[in-house]
Amino acid sequence: MKVLFVIHGINNKVIETARKKKQMISARLGCVVDCCIYAEEKETGNLQLESLGGKIYMLSVTASVTEIVARSLCKLVREMQYTAVVAADSGRASELAARLAQLLEVQCATAVTELSADNGCVSCKKSVYNNMVCASYSLPLEFVISERFTVGDLTGEQQEPLEVIGLEACGNPDYLLRNMTVEERKEQTVSPILIAAGMGIQRKEEIIMIREYARRCGFSFGVSRPVAMRGWADISEIIGVSGEIYAPEITIAIGISGAAAFMAGIEQSRYILSINTNPDAMIARLSDAMIVDEYQNVLHELFEYLKQWGRQ
């Protein structure tokens, strides 16, 4: 088996996580894993590739358009005769994996959480039905997947000699007339507590109050997409598949129904506490605990209690 690990290399935190996952894939499948990093030129300049090691293809893109990246990867996979491709977890990983599998005419699985070799085929697991069920799949040796692996610290691993290979840069697709950055993406502050607000919040002023409280305490803050679409929060504050993905110790979900697109952004939380007037809301089944009440009745005491974990 010959495996290509595709990484959207936007910063060194991504590279460090990819290093651990690359080693895990190699151990689970019993083969050497090469990497392909795609990114805009301004993102690749400071990447620390030495820790990643091994053979690395560098694919420079003008804009991270899935179709263009998938076609370049398809060419690389065929020329170098890779049998399998794993797309590293990112906002477009599943979309990229699905399109690449279509171009290569091989089987595909997205958001895979476990991977192993098994008697001439590959076994994988992923969460389905709003993460209520873990499903197992058997794939042939030729496949494309996107991953959501969980890895810890790896000790005693040997660093591979680094070999960087530049690929022909991707241009803009015909339908993209101009590439313009409206606002640079900001790094999210890492905090053990995330405060998430949804459409159950009745006024914009209350969204502002909750945001200001989170910032004073040093907590992460975000909203469901409908809140931002209403104009009550910034687009950069959206949580979920079209926004940020968090993995805090505790998520406080206020007035959130629990739609799958949003839950993808907080499902890695160690503990989820939701506040909702509807005990049958979808988020009730996905929470570790739930307060069934109007949020106005509980936020003051709850926020006072949470201050002990805030910025001192």
C-alpha atoms as a PDB file:
ATOM      1  CA  MET A   1       0.000   0.000   0.000  1.00  0.00           C
ATOM      2  CA  LYS A   2       1.244   3.476  -0.876  1.00  0.00           C
ATOM      3  CA  VAL A   3      -0.466   6.280   1.071  1.00  0.00           C
ATOM      4  CA  LEU A   4      -0.533  10.050   0.495  1.00  0.00           C
ATOM      5  CA  PHE A   5      -1.481  12.250   3.476  1.00  0.00           C
ATOM      6  CA  VAL A   6      -2.918  15.593   2.259  1.00  0.00           C
ATOM      7  CA  ILE A   7      -2.582  18.550   4.635  1.00  0.00           C
ATOM      8  CA  HIS A   8      -3.942  22.078   4.391  1.00  0.00           C
ATOM      9  CA  GLY A   9      -0.821  23.700   5.833  1.00  0.00           C
ATOM     10  CA  ILE A  10      -1.962  27.024   7.210  1.00  0.00           C
ATOM     11  CA  ASN A  11       0.311  27.122  10.302  1.00  0.00           C
ATOM     12  CA  ASN A  12       2.780  25.112  12.410  1.00  0.00           C
ATOM     13  CA  LYS A  13       0.071  23.912  14.803  1.00  0.00           C
ATOM     14  CA  VAL A  14      -1.496  22.078  11.852  1.00  0.00           C
ATOM     15  CA  ILE A  15       1.901  20.611  10.923  1.00  0.00           C
ATOM     16  CA  GLU A  16       2.539  19.330  14.456  1.00  0.00           C
ATOM     17  CA  THR A  17      -0.867  17.646  14.600  1.00  0.00           C
ATOM     18  CA  ALA A  18      -0.279  16.187  11.135  1.00  0.00           C
ATOM     19  CA  ARG A  19       3.073  14.766  12.293  1.00  0.00           C
ATOM     20  CA  LYS A  20       1.364  12.714  14.989  1.00  0.00           C
ATOM     21  CA  LYS A  21      -1.407  11.563  12.683  1.00  0.00           C
ATOM     22  CA  LYS A  22       1.058  10.618   9.938  1.00  0.00           C
ATOM     23  CA  GLN A  23       2.919   8.355  12.338  1.00  0.00           C
ATOM     24  CA  MET A  24      -0.338   6.812  13.520  1.00  0.00           C
ATOM     25  CA  ILE A  25      -1.481   6.095   9.942  1.00  0.00           C
ATOM     26  CA  SER A  26       1.875   4.516   9.133  1.00  0.00           C
ATOM     27  CA  ALA A  27       1.706   2.283  12.216  1.00  0.00           C
ATOM     28  CA  ARG A  28      -1.929   1.264  11.682  1.00  0.00           C
ATOM     29  CA  LEU A  29      -1.547   0.470   7.975  1.00  0.00           C
ATOM     30  CA  GLY A  30       2.011  -0.832   8.158  1.00  0.00           C
ATOM     31  CA  CYS A  31       3.375   1.305   5.343  1.00  0.00           C
ATOM     32  CA  VAL A  32       5.356   4.452   4.564  1.00  0.00           C
ATOM     33  CA  VAL A  33       3.195   7.602   4.343  1.00  0.00           C
ATOM     34  CA  ASP A  34       4.171  10.548   2.129  1.00  0.00           C
ATOM     35  CA  CYS A  35       2.663  14.009   2.535  1.00  0.00           C
ATOM     36  CA  CYS A  36       1.311  16.718   0.250  1.00  0.00           C
ATOM     37  CA  ILE A  37       0.892  20.172   1.779  1.00  0.00           C
ATOM     38  CA  TYR A  38      -1.298  22.637  -0.082  1.00  0.00           C
ATOM     39  CA  ALA A  39      -1.466  26.280   0.938  1.00  0.00           C
ATOM     40  CA  GLU A  40      -1.114  29.805  -0.321  1.00  0.00           C
ATOM     41  CA  GLU A  41       2.467  31.084  -0.625  1.00  0.00           C
ATOM     42  CA  LYS A  42       2.074  33.459   2.307  1.00  0.00           C
ATOM     43  CA  GLU A  43       1.174  30.475   4.527  1.00  0.00           C
ATOM     44  CA  THR A  44       4.080  28.198   3.568  1.00  0.00           C
ATOM     45  CA  GLY A  45       6.977  30.528   4.322  1.00  0.00           C
ATOM     46  CA  ASN A  46       7.248  29.795   8.057  1.00  0.00           C
ATOM     47  CA  LEU A  47       6.133  26.160   8.154  1.00  0.00           C
ATOM     48  CA  GLN A  48       8.490  23.929  10.162  1.00  0.00           C
ATOM     49  CA  LEU A  49       8.558  20.827   7.976  1.00  0.00           C
ATOM     50  CA  GLU A  50      11.585  19.175   9.610  1.00  0.00           C
ATOM     51  CA  SER A  51       9.454  17.580  12.334  1.00  0.00           C
ATOM     52  CA  LEU A  52       7.093  16.137   9.719  1.00  0.00           C
ATOM     53  CA  GLY A  53       9.966  14.483   7.836  1.00  0.00           C
ATOM     54  CA  GLY A  54       9.829  12.086   4.901  1.00  0.00           C
ATOM     55  CA  LYS A  55       8.787  12.955   1.362  1.00  0.00           C
ATOM     56  CA  ILE A  56       6.668  16.118   1.189  1.00  0.00           C
ATOM     57  CA  TYR A  57       5.076  17.550  -1.958  1.00  0.00           C
ATOM     58  CA  MET A  58       4.434  21.304  -1.777  1.00  0.00           C
ATOM     59  CA  LEU A  59       1.401  22.490  -3.742  1.00  0.00           C
ATOM     60  CA  SER A  60       1.103  26.275  -3.974  1.00  0.00           C
ATOM     61  CA  VAL A  61      -2.431  27.545  -4.558  1.00  0.00           C
ATOM     62  CA  THR A  62      -3.718  31.021  -5.372  1.00  0.00           C
ATOM     63  CA  ALA A  63      -6.998  30.204  -3.605  1.00  0.00           C
ATOM     64  CA  SER A  64      -7.952  27.017  -1.753  1.00  0.00           C
ATOM     65  CA  VAL A  65     -10.641  26.030  -4.245  1.00  0.00           C
ATOM     66  CA  THR A  66     -11.577  22.380  -3.744  1.00  0.00           C
ATOM     67  CA  GLU A  67     -11.996  21.570  -7.431  1.00  0.00           C
ATOM     68  CA  ILE A  68      -8.567  22.918  -8.431  1.00  0.00           C
ATOM     69  CA  VAL A  69      -6.774  21.249  -5.500  1.00  0.00           C
ATOM     70  CA  ALA A  70      -8.556  17.937  -6.174  1.00  0.00           C
ATOM     71  CA  ARG A  71      -7.510  17.940  -9.844  1.00  0.00           C
ATOM     72  CA  SER A  72      -3.861  18.636  -8.970  1.00  0.00           C
ATOM     73  CA  LEU A  73      -3.913  15.868  -6.357  1.00  0.00           C
ATOM     74  CA  CYS A  74      -5.526  13.477  -8.841  1.00  0.00           C
ATOM     75  CA  LYS A  75      -2.646  14.078 -11.254  1.00  0.00           C
ATOM     76  CA  LEU A  76      -0.075  13.492  -8.496  1.00  0.00           C
ATOM     77  CA  VAL A  77      -1.763  10.308  -7.229  1.00  0.00           C
ATOM     78  CA  ARG A  78      -1.859   8.793 -10.708  1.00  0.00           C
ATOM     79  CA  GLU A  79       1.693   9.779 -11.663  1.00  0.00           C
ATOM     80  CA  MET A  80       3.227   8.509  -8.404  1.00  0.00           C
ATOM     81  CA  GLN A  81       0.839   5.520  -8.192  1.00  0.00           C
ATOM     82  CA  TYR A  82      -0.515   6.123  -4.693  1.00  0.00           C
ATOM     83  CA  THR A  83      -3.147   3.554  -3.767  1.00  0.00           C
ATOM     84  CA  ALA A  84      -4.781   5.510  -0.942  1.00  0.00           C
ATOM     85  CA  VAL A  85      -5.230   9.140   0.097  1.00  0.00           C
ATOM     86  CA  VAL A  86      -6.022  10.488   3.563  1.00  0.00           C
ATOM     87  CA  ALA A  87      -7.145  14.136   3.775  1.00  0.00           C
ATOM     88  CA  ALA A  88      -6.110  15.682   7.097  1.00  0.00           C
ATOM     89  CA  ASP A  89      -8.918  17.131   9.206  1.00  0.00           C
ATOM     90  CA  SER A  90      -9.821  20.676   8.137  1.00  0.00           C
ATOM     91  CA  GLY A  91     -12.852  22.693   7.114  1.00  0.00           C
ATOM     92  CA  ARG A  92     -12.762  21.357   3.533  1.00  0.00           C
ATOM     93  CA  ALA A  93     -11.318  17.871   4.147  1.00  0.00           C
ATOM     94  CA  SER A  94     -14.527  15.931   3.539  1.00  0.00           C
ATOM     95  CA  GLU A  95     -15.424  17.943   0.442  1.00  0.00           C
ATOM     96  CA  LEU A  96     -11.918  17.483  -0.946  1.00  0.00           C
ATOM     97  CA  ALA A  97     -11.903  13.732  -0.225  1.00  0.00           C
ATOM     98  CA  ALA A  98     -15.259  13.208  -1.906  1.00  0.00           C
ATOM     99  CA  ARG A  99     -14.256  15.100  -5.053  1.00  0.00           C
ATOM    100  CA  LEU A 100     -10.850  13.414  -5.288  1.00  0.00           C
ATOM    101  CA  ALA A 101     -12.433   9.965  -4.896  1.00  0.00           C
ATOM    102  CA  GLN A 102     -14.845  10.827  -7.701  1.00  0.00           C
ATOM    103  CA  LEU A 103     -11.976  11.842  -9.998  1.00  0.00           C
ATOM    104  CA  LEU A 104      -9.969   8.710  -9.151  1.00  0.00           C
ATOM    105  CA  GLU A 105     -13.082   6.503  -9.302  1.00  0.00           C
ATOM    106  CA  VAL A 106     -12.386   4.855  -5.940  1.00  0.00           C
ATOM    107  CA  GLN A 107     -14.390   4.396  -2.745  1.00  0.00           C
ATOM    108  CA  CYS A 108     -14.587   7.199  -0.179  1.00  0.00           C
ATOM    109  CA  ALA A 109     -15.398   7.663   3.505  1.00  0.00           C
ATOM    110  CA  THR A 110     -15.442  11.002   5.316  1.00  0.00           C
ATOM    111  CA  ALA A 111     -14.780  12.057   8.935  1.00  0.00           C
ATOM    112  CA  VAL A 112     -13.143   8.712   9.775  1.00  0.00           C
ATOM    113  CA  THR A 113     -12.187   8.385  13.453  1.00  0.00           C
ATOM    114  CA  GLU A 114     -10.342   5.029  13.379  1.00  0.00           C
ATOM    115  CA  LEU A 115      -8.332   3.254  10.692  1.00  0.00           C
ATOM    116  CA  SER A 116      -6.605  -0.157  10.549  1.00  0.00           C
ATOM    117  CA  ALA A 117      -5.430  -2.812   8.086  1.00  0.00           C
ATOM    118  CA  ASP A 118      -7.386  -6.061   8.174  1.00  0.00           C
ATOM    119  CA  ASN A 119      -6.797  -9.164   5.998  1.00  0.00           C
ATOM    120  CA  GLY A 120      -6.157  -7.491   2.662  1.00  0.00           C
ATOM    121  CA  CYS A 121      -8.580  -4.609   3.197  1.00  0.00           C
ATOM    122  CA  VAL A 122      -8.840  -1.520   5.370  1.00  0.00           C
ATOM    123  CA  SER A 123     -11.294  -1.139   8.258  1.00  0.00           C
ATOM    124  CA  CYS A 124     -12.485   2.277   9.380  1.00  0.00           C
ATOM    125  CA  LYS A 125     -14.967   3.697  11.845  1.00  0.00           C
ATOM    126  CA  LYS A 126     -16.939   6.953  11.884  1.00  0.00           C
ATOM    127  CA  SER A 127     -19.804   8.536  13.782  1.00  0.00           C
ATOM    128  CA  VAL A 128     -23.206   8.658  12.070  1.00  0.00           C
ATOM    129  CA  TYR A 129     -26.751   9.780  12.939  1.00  0.00           C
ATOM    130  CA  ASN A 130     -25.654  12.969  14.707  1.00  0.00           C
ATOM    131  CA  ASN A 131     -22.836  11.108  16.469  1.00  0.00           C
ATOM    132  CA  MET A 132     -25.264   8.754  18.167  1.00  0.00           C
ATOM    133  CA  VAL A 133     -23.933   5.628  16.383  1.00  0.00           C
ATOM    134  CA  CYS A 134     -20.421   4.403  15.537  1.00  0.00           C
ATOM    135  CA  ALA A 135     -20.393   2.651  12.151  1.00  0.00           C
ATOM    136  CA  SER A 136     -17.670   0.323  10.823  1.00  0.00           C
ATOM    137  CA  TYR A 137     -16.769   0.108   7.130  1.00  0.00           C
ATOM    138  CA  SER A 138     -14.513  -2.153   5.077  1.00  0.00           C
ATOM    139  CA  LEU A 139     -12.628  -0.454   2.231  1.00  0.00           C
ATOM    140  CA  PRO A 140     -10.542  -1.939  -0.586  1.00  0.00           C
ATOM    141  CA  LEU A 141      -6.846  -1.014  -0.711  1.00  0.00           C
ATOM    142  CA  GLU A 142      -7.622   1.804  -3.153  1.00  0.00           C
ATOM    143  CA  PHE A 143      -9.590   4.526  -1.358  1.00  0.00           C
ATOM    144  CA  VAL A 144      -9.802   8.174  -0.324  1.00  0.00           C
ATOM    145  CA  ILE A 145     -10.878   9.252   3.163  1.00  0.00           C
ATOM    146  CA  SER A 146     -10.964  12.389   5.277  1.00  0.00           C
ATOM    147  CA  GLU A 147      -9.974  11.905   8.905  1.00  0.00           C
ATOM    148  CA  ARG A 148     -10.933  13.090  12.363  1.00  0.00           C
ATOM    149  CA  PHE A 149      -8.392  11.042  14.292  1.00  0.00           C
ATOM    150  CA  THR A 150      -7.631  11.675  17.946  1.00  0.00           C
ATOM    151  CA  VAL A 151      -3.951  11.365  18.822  1.00  0.00           C
ATOM    152  CA  GLY A 152      -2.019  11.861  22.031  1.00  0.00           C
ATOM    153  CA  ASP A 153       1.656  12.493  22.618  1.00  0.00           C
ATOM    154  CA  LEU A 154       3.947  10.109  20.712  1.00  0.00           C
ATOM    155  CA  THR A 155       7.216   9.274  22.421  1.00  0.00           C
ATOM    156  CA  GLY A 156      10.282   7.570  21.048  1.00  0.00           C
ATOM    157  CA  GLU A 157       9.441   8.180  17.404  1.00  0.00           C
ATOM    158  CA  GLN A 158      12.334   8.520  14.967  1.00  0.00           C
ATOM    159  CA  GLN A 159      12.476  11.597  12.764  1.00  0.00           C
ATOM    160  CA  GLU A 160      12.514  10.843   9.033  1.00  0.00           C
ATOM    161  CA  PRO A 161      14.955  12.574   6.664  1.00  0.00           C
ATOM    162  CA  LEU A 162      13.170  15.452   4.979  1.00  0.00           C
ATOM    163  CA  GLU A 163      12.644  15.578   1.200  1.00  0.00           C
ATOM    164  CA  VAL A 164      10.586  18.498  -0.137  1.00  0.00           C
ATOM    165  CA  ILE A 165       9.299  18.340  -3.735  1.00  0.00           C
ATOM    166  CA  GLY A 166       7.714  21.388  -5.362  1.00  0.00           C
ATOM    167  CA  LEU A 167       4.676  20.830  -7.581  1.00  0.00           C
ATOM    168  CA  GLU A 168       3.301  23.059 -10.337  1.00  0.00           C
ATOM    169  CA  ALA A 169       1.326  25.837  -8.685  1.00  0.00           C
ATOM    170  CA  CYS A 170      -2.458  25.904  -8.971  1.00  0.00           C
ATOM    171  CA  GLY A 171      -3.990  28.916 -10.666  1.00  0.00           C
ATOM    172  CA  ASN A 172      -7.474  30.316 -10.258  1.00  0.00           C
ATOM    173  CA  PRO A 173     -10.390  28.452 -11.846  1.00  0.00           C
ATOM    174  CA  ASP A 174     -12.028  30.142 -14.849  1.00  0.00           C
ATOM    175  CA  TYR A 175     -15.071  31.176 -12.842  1.00  0.00           C
ATOM    176  CA  LEU A 176     -13.018  33.001 -10.172  1.00  0.00           C
ATOM    177  CA  LEU A 177     -12.525  36.505 -11.562  1.00  0.00           C
ATOM    178  CA  ARG A 178     -10.660  38.016  -8.635  1.00  0.00           C
ATOM    179  CA  ASN A 179      -9.172  36.722  -5.385  1.00  0.00           C
ATOM    180  CA  MET A 180      -9.525  39.256  -2.588  1.00  0.00           C
ATOM    181  CA  THR A 181      -9.045  38.818   1.158  1.00  0.00           C
ATOM    182  CA  VAL A 182     -11.796  40.620   3.025  1.00  0.00           C
ATOM    183  CA  GLU A 183     -10.351  39.878   6.467  1.00  0.00           C
ATOM    184  CA  GLU A 184      -7.437  37.805   7.672  1.00  0.00           C
ATOM    185  CA  ARG A 185      -8.456  34.726   9.669  1.00  0.00           C
ATOM    186  CA  LYS A 186      -7.661  35.211  13.346  1.00  0.00           C
ATOM    187  CA  GLU A 187      -6.298  32.534  15.659  1.00  0.00           C
ATOM    188  CA  GLN A 188      -8.884  31.511  18.240  1.00  0.00           C
ATOM    189  CA  THR A 189      -7.850  31.904  21.867  1.00  0.00           C
ATOM    190  CA  VAL A 190      -7.508  28.505  23.531  1.00  0.00           C
ATOM    191  CA  SER A 191      -9.667  28.337  26.659  1.00  0.00           C
ATOM    192  CA  PRO A 192     -10.945  25.472  28.825  1.00  0.00           C
ATOM    193  CA  ILE A 193     -14.440  26.974  28.625  1.00  0.00           C
ATOM    194  CA  LEU A 194     -16.483  27.863  25.544  1.00  0.00           C
ATOM    195  CA  ILE A 195     -19.627  30.003  25.781  1.00  0.00           C
ATOM    196  CA  ALA A 196     -21.907  29.346  22.779  1.00  0.00           C
ATOM    197  CA  ALA A 197     -25.048  31.377  22.044  1.00  0.00           C
ATOM    198  CA  GLY A 198     -27.913  30.423  19.742  1.00  0.00           C
ATOM    199  CA  MET A 199     -31.202  31.675  18.371  1.00  0.00           C
ATOM    200  CA  GLY A 200     -32.847  31.158  21.744  1.00  0.00           C
ATOM    201  CA  ILE A 201     -31.220  34.432  22.848  1.00  0.00           C
ATOM    202  CA  GLN A 202     -33.917  37.032  22.383  1.00  0.00           C
ATOM    203  CA  ARG A 203     -32.005  40.279  21.904  1.00  0.00           C
ATOM    204  CA  LYS A 204     -28.772  41.435  20.302  1.00  0.00           C
ATOM    205  CA  GLU A 205     -27.868  43.286  23.483  1.00  0.00           C
ATOM    206  CA  GLU A 206     -27.839  39.986  25.364  1.00  0.00           C
ATOM    207  CA  ILE A 207     -25.484  38.458  22.780  1.00  0.00           C
ATOM    208  CA  ILE A 208     -23.157  41.423  23.345  1.00  0.00           C
ATOM    209  CA  MET A 209     -23.396  40.985  27.125  1.00  0.00           C
ATOM    210  CA  ILE A 210     -22.523  37.274  26.921  1.00  0.00           C
ATOM    211  CA  ARG A 211     -19.604  37.994  24.552  1.00  0.00           C
ATOM    212  CA  GLU A 212     -18.220  40.701  26.853  1.00  0.00           C
ATOM    213  CA  TYR A 213     -18.484  38.376  29.857  1.00  0.00           C
ATOM    214  CA  ALA A 214     -16.577  35.638  27.990  1.00  0.00           C
ATOM    215  CA  ARG A 215     -13.839  38.066  26.944  1.00  0.00           C
ATOM    216  CA  ARG A 216     -13.411  39.452  30.473  1.00  0.00           C
ATOM    217  CA  CYS A 217     -12.967  35.933  31.802  1.00  0.00           C
ATOM    218  CA  GLY A 218     -10.716  34.821  28.960  1.00  0.00           C
ATOM    219  CA  PHE A 219     -13.247  32.239  27.741  1.00  0.00           C
ATOM    220  CA  SER A 220     -13.837  31.331  24.096  1.00  0.00           C
ATOM    221  CA  PHE A 221     -17.068  32.657  22.587  1.00  0.00           C
ATOM    222  CA  GLY A 222     -19.075  31.741  19.525  1.00  0.00           C
ATOM    223  CA  VAL A 223     -22.553  31.614  18.035  1.00  0.00           C
ATOM    224  CA  SER A 224     -24.682  29.427  15.814  1.00  0.00           C
ATOM    225  CA  ARG A 225     -24.781  30.440  12.152  1.00  0.00           C
ATOM    226  CA  PRO A 226     -28.338  31.910  12.267  1.00  0.00           C
ATOM    227  CA  VAL A 227     -27.247  34.361  14.986  1.00  0.00           C
ATOM    228  CA  ALA A 228     -24.465  35.707  12.756  1.00  0.00           C
ATOM    229  CA  MET A 229     -26.745  35.755   9.698  1.00  0.00           C
ATOM    230  CA  ARG A 230     -29.151  37.922  11.698  1.00  0.00           C
ATOM    231  CA  GLY A 231     -26.324  40.432  12.145  1.00  0.00           C
ATOM    232  CA  TRP A 232     -26.023  39.936  15.893  1.00  0.00           C
ATOM    233  CA  ALA A 233     -22.486  38.527  15.755  1.00  0.00           C
ATOM    234  CA  ASP A 234     -19.468  38.489  13.472  1.00  0.00           C
ATOM    235  CA  ILE A 235     -19.075  35.806  10.802  1.00  0.00           C
ATOM    236  CA  SER A 236     -15.741  34.836  12.425  1.00  0.00           C
ATOM    237  CA  GLU A 237     -17.659  33.845  15.583  1.00  0.00           C
ATOM    238  CA  ILE A 238     -19.680  31.075  13.897  1.00  0.00           C
ATOM    239  CA  ILE A 239     -19.242  27.606  15.410  1.00  0.00           C
ATOM    240  CA  GLY A 240     -19.661  24.450  13.319  1.00  0.00           C
ATOM    241  CA  VAL A 241     -18.955  23.094   9.860  1.00  0.00           C
ATOM    242  CA  SER A 242     -18.965  26.593   8.330  1.00  0.00           C
ATOM    243  CA  GLY A 243     -16.973  28.147  11.178  1.00  0.00           C
ATOM    244  CA  GLU A 244     -14.709  27.225  14.072  1.00  0.00           C
ATOM    245  CA  ILE A 245     -14.191  23.769  15.602  1.00  0.00           C
ATOM    246  CA  TYR A 246     -13.534  23.723  19.364  1.00  0.00           C
ATOM    247  CA  ALA A 247     -12.413  21.073  21.852  1.00  0.00           C
ATOM    248  CA  PRO A 248     -12.766  22.746  25.289  1.00  0.00           C
ATOM    249  CA  GLU A 249     -13.113  21.121  28.667  1.00  0.00           C
ATOM    250  CA  ILE A 250     -16.606  22.594  29.064  1.00  0.00           C
ATOM    251  CA  THR A 251     -19.055  24.068  26.558  1.00  0.00           C
ATOM    252  CA  ILE A 252     -21.967  26.152  27.834  1.00  0.00           C
ATOM    253  CA  ALA A 253     -24.606  26.086  25.062  1.00  0.00           C
ATOM    254  CA  ILE A 254     -27.244  28.783  25.596  1.00  0.00           C
ATOM    255  CA  GLY A 255     -30.433  28.745  23.535  1.00  0.00           C
ATOM    256  CA  ILE A 256     -29.086  26.283  20.962  1.00  0.00           C
ATOM    257  CA  SER A 257     -31.297  23.651  19.315  1.00  0.00           C
ATOM    258  CA  GLY A 258     -28.502  21.204  18.482  1.00  0.00           C
ATOM    259  CA  ALA A 259     -28.446  21.084  14.678  1.00  0.00           C
ATOM    260  CA  ALA A 260     -25.791  18.731  13.280  1.00  0.00           C
ATOM    261  CA  ALA A 261     -23.919  21.528  11.485  1.00  0.00           C
ATOM    262  CA  PHE A 262     -23.438  23.354  14.794  1.00  0.00           C
ATOM    263  CA  MET A 263     -22.717  20.271  16.929  1.00  0.00           C
ATOM    264  CA  ALA A 264     -19.774  19.404  14.674  1.00  0.00           C
ATOM    265  CA  GLY A 265     -18.074  22.460  16.189  1.00  0.00           C
ATOM    266  CA  ILE A 266     -18.399  21.365  19.836  1.00  0.00           C
ATOM    267  CA  GLU A 267     -18.645  17.559  19.704  1.00  0.00           C
ATOM    268  CA  GLN A 268     -15.024  17.250  20.875  1.00  0.00           C
ATOM    269  CA  SER A 269     -15.896  19.015  24.149  1.00  0.00           C
ATOM    270  CA  ARG A 270     -15.179  16.986  27.263  1.00  0.00           C
ATOM    271  CA  TYR A 271     -18.456  18.180  28.862  1.00  0.00           C
ATOM    272  CA  ILE A 272     -21.489  19.963  27.378  1.00  0.00           C
ATOM    273  CA  LEU A 273     -23.970  21.872  29.522  1.00  0.00           C
ATOM    274  CA  SER A 274     -26.987  23.195  27.641  1.00  0.00           C
ATOM    275  CA  ILE A 275     -29.613  25.734  28.684  1.00  0.00           C
ATOM    276  CA  ASN A 276     -32.921  25.450  26.857  1.00  0.00           C
ATOM    277  CA  THR A 277     -36.628  25.775  27.574  1.00  0.00           C
ATOM    278  CA  ASN A 278     -37.409  22.702  25.454  1.00  0.00           C
ATOM    279  CA  PRO A 279     -36.453  19.414  27.166  1.00  0.00           C
ATOM    280  CA  ASP A 280     -36.988  17.593  23.860  1.00  0.00           C
ATOM    281  CA  ALA A 281     -34.589  19.759  21.846  1.00  0.00           C
ATOM    282  CA  MET A 282     -32.001  17.772  19.896  1.00  0.00           C
ATOM    283  CA  ILE A 283     -29.193  19.210  22.005  1.00  0.00           C
ATOM    284  CA  ALA A 284     -30.678  17.517  25.081  1.00  0.00           C
ATOM    285  CA  ARG A 285     -29.638  14.121  23.718  1.00  0.00           C
ATOM    286  CA  LEU A 286     -26.145  15.372  22.963  1.00  0.00           C
ATOM    287  CA  SER A 287     -25.487  17.145  26.281  1.00  0.00           C
ATOM    288  CA  ASP A 288     -23.964  15.742  29.452  1.00  0.00           C
ATOM    289  CA  ALA A 289     -26.324  17.934  31.484  1.00  0.00           C
ATOM    290  CA  MET A 290     -29.188  20.292  30.691  1.00  0.00           C
ATOM    291  CA  ILE A 291     -30.896  23.127  32.536  1.00  0.00           C
ATOM    292  CA  VAL A 292     -34.530  23.351  31.428  1.00  0.00           C
ATOM    293  CA  ASP A 293     -35.388  26.993  32.099  1.00  0.00           C
ATOM    294  CA  GLU A 294     -35.325  30.475  30.604  1.00  0.00           C
ATOM    295  CA  TYR A 295     -31.675  31.448  30.251  1.00  0.00           C
ATOM    296  CA  GLN A 296     -32.338  34.800  31.957  1.00  0.00           C
ATOM    297  CA  ASN A 297     -33.144  32.887  35.162  1.00  0.00           C
ATOM    298  CA  VAL A 298     -29.845  31.029  35.385  1.00  0.00           C
ATOM    299  CA  LEU A 299     -27.101  32.981  33.619  1.00  0.00           C
ATOM    300  CA  HIS A 300     -26.234  35.329  36.505  1.00  0.00           C
ATOM    301  CA  GLU A 301     -25.550  32.575  39.038  1.00  0.00           C
ATOM    302  CA  LEU A 302     -23.908  30.326  36.436  1.00  0.00           C
ATOM    303  CA  PHE A 303     -21.581  33.066  35.210  1.00  0.00           C
ATOM    304  CA  GLU A 304     -20.638  33.967  38.791  1.00  0.00           C
ATOM    305  CA  TYR A 305     -19.734  30.331  39.398  1.00  0.00           C
ATOM    306  CA  LEU A 306     -17.644  30.057  36.217  1.00  0.00           C
ATOM    307  CA  LYS A 307     -15.549  33.124  37.100  1.00  0.00           C
ATOM    308  CA  GLN A 308     -13.256  30.977  39.261  1.00  0.00           C
ATOM    309  CA  TRP A 309     -11.868  29.413  36.049  1.00  0.00           C
ATOM    310  CA  GLY A 310     -11.532  32.739  34.293  1.00  0.00           C
ATOM    311  CA  ARG A 311      -8.635  35.131  33.827  1.00  0.00           C
ATOM    312  CA  GLN A 312      -7.286  36.138  37.201  1.00  0.00           C
END
